[in-house]
Amino acid sequence: MSDPEPAEEQREPNTDHLDDVDDGCGCTEIWEHLSEEREANAD
């Protein structure tokens, strides 16, 4: 018998958008990275 799918609130969040961010960086670095990605995608 297989385990049932976890409830929506128990699933791990999708963090693919942070793959290019270094481990251990702070909020400012994450904010800058996301802003740069948004600008690049807007073009």
N, C-alpha and C. Protein backbone atom coordinates (compact mmCIF):
# COMPACT_ATOMS: atom_id res chain seq x y z
N MET A 1 0.84 -1.17 0.00
CA MET A 1 0.00 0.00 0.00
C MET A 1 0.88 1.24 0.00
N SER A 2 0.62 2.21 -0.88
CA SER A 2 1.44 3.41 -0.95
C SER A 2 0.88 4.51 -0.05
N ASP A 3 1.78 5.40 0.35
CA ASP A 3 1.36 6.52 1.19
C ASP A 3 0.52 7.48 0.37
N PRO A 4 -0.53 8.03 0.96
CA PRO A 4 -1.35 9.01 0.24
C PRO A 4 -0.57 10.31 0.03
N GLU A 5 -0.98 11.07 -0.97
CA GLU A 5 -0.36 12.37 -1.22
C GLU A 5 -0.54 13.26 0.01
N PRO A 6 0.50 14.03 0.37
CA PRO A 6 0.34 14.93 1.52
C PRO A 6 -0.66 16.03 1.19
N ALA A 7 -1.29 16.55 2.20
CA ALA A 7 -2.24 17.64 2.01
C ALA A 7 -1.50 18.85 1.45
N GLU A 8 -2.21 19.71 0.74
CA GLU A 8 -1.62 20.88 0.09
C GLU A 8 -0.72 21.68 1.03
N GLU A 9 -1.16 21.92 2.24
CA GLU A 9 -0.38 22.74 3.18
C GLU A 9 0.84 22.01 3.73
N GLN A 10 0.95 20.70 3.52
CA GLN A 10 2.07 19.94 4.04
C GLN A 10 3.15 19.71 2.98
N ARG A 11 2.89 20.05 1.73
CA ARG A 11 3.87 19.86 0.67
C ARG A 11 4.98 20.89 0.79
N GLU A 12 6.16 20.50 0.33
CA GLU A 12 7.29 21.43 0.31
C GLU A 12 7.01 22.51 -0.73
N PRO A 13 7.32 23.77 -0.40
CA PRO A 13 7.09 24.84 -1.38
C PRO A 13 8.07 24.73 -2.55
N ASN A 14 7.66 25.20 -3.70
CA ASN A 14 8.50 25.21 -4.88
C ASN A 14 9.53 26.33 -4.73
N THR A 15 10.81 25.98 -4.76
CA THR A 15 11.87 26.97 -4.59
C THR A 15 12.76 27.05 -5.82
N ASP A 16 12.26 26.62 -6.98
CA ASP A 16 13.05 26.65 -8.21
C ASP A 16 13.56 28.05 -8.53
N HIS A 17 12.77 29.07 -8.20
CA HIS A 17 13.16 30.45 -8.50
C HIS A 17 14.37 30.91 -7.67
N LEU A 18 14.79 30.10 -6.70
CA LEU A 18 15.94 30.46 -5.86
C LEU A 18 17.17 29.59 -6.15
N ASP A 19 17.12 28.80 -7.21
CA ASP A 19 18.22 27.89 -7.51
C ASP A 19 19.54 28.61 -7.74
N ASP A 20 19.51 29.83 -8.28
CA ASP A 20 20.74 30.56 -8.57
C ASP A 20 21.24 31.39 -7.39
N VAL A 21 20.55 31.35 -6.26
CA VAL A 21 20.95 32.12 -5.08
C VAL A 21 21.87 31.24 -4.23
N ASP A 22 22.97 31.85 -3.76
CA ASP A 22 23.92 31.11 -2.93
C ASP A 22 23.31 30.73 -1.58
N ASP A 23 23.64 29.54 -1.10
CA ASP A 23 23.21 29.13 0.23
C ASP A 23 23.80 30.08 1.26
N GLY A 24 23.01 30.45 2.24
CA GLY A 24 23.49 31.30 3.32
C GLY A 24 23.39 32.78 3.04
N CYS A 25 22.90 33.18 1.86
CA CYS A 25 22.80 34.62 1.59
C CYS A 25 21.62 35.20 2.38
N GLY A 26 21.61 36.49 2.49
CA GLY A 26 20.59 37.16 3.28
C GLY A 26 19.40 37.64 2.45
N CYS A 27 18.49 38.27 3.13
CA CYS A 27 17.25 38.75 2.50
C CYS A 27 17.53 39.73 1.37
N THR A 28 18.50 40.61 1.57
CA THR A 28 18.80 41.62 0.55
C THR A 28 19.27 40.97 -0.73
N GLU A 29 20.14 39.98 -0.63
CA GLU A 29 20.63 39.29 -1.82
C GLU A 29 19.50 38.56 -2.54
N ILE A 30 18.61 37.94 -1.79
CA ILE A 30 17.47 37.25 -2.39
C ILE A 30 16.57 38.26 -3.09
N TRP A 31 16.30 39.39 -2.45
CA TRP A 31 15.45 40.43 -3.03
C TRP A 31 16.07 40.95 -4.33
N GLU A 32 17.38 41.21 -4.32
CA GLU A 32 18.05 41.69 -5.53
C GLU A 32 17.97 40.67 -6.65
N HIS A 33 18.18 39.41 -6.32
CA HIS A 33 18.12 38.34 -7.32
C HIS A 33 16.72 38.28 -7.94
N LEU A 34 15.70 38.30 -7.12
CA LEU A 34 14.34 38.22 -7.63
C LEU A 34 13.98 39.45 -8.47
N SER A 35 14.45 40.62 -8.06
CA SER A 35 14.20 41.85 -8.83
C SER A 35 14.87 41.78 -10.19
N GLU A 36 16.11 41.30 -10.23
CA GLU A 36 16.81 41.17 -11.50
C GLU A 36 16.11 40.17 -12.41
N GLU A 37 15.62 39.07 -11.85
CA GLU A 37 14.89 38.08 -12.66
C GLU A 37 13.62 38.69 -13.23
N ARG A 38 12.89 39.45 -12.42
CA ARG A 38 11.66 40.09 -12.89
C ARG A 38 11.95 41.05 -14.02
N GLU A 39 13.01 41.85 -13.87
CA GLU A 39 13.36 42.80 -14.93
C GLU A 39 13.72 42.08 -16.21
N ALA A 40 14.49 41.01 -16.12
CA ALA A 40 14.90 40.25 -17.30
C ALA A 40 13.68 39.61 -17.98
N ASN A 41 12.73 39.15 -17.21
CA ASN A 41 11.53 38.52 -17.77
C ASN A 41 10.55 39.53 -18.34
N ALA A 42 10.64 40.79 -17.92
CA ALA A 42 9.74 41.82 -18.40
C ALA A 42 10.10 42.26 -19.82
N ASP A 43 11.35 42.05 -20.20
CA ASP A 43 11.81 42.47 -21.54
C ASP A 43 11.33 41.59 -22.64
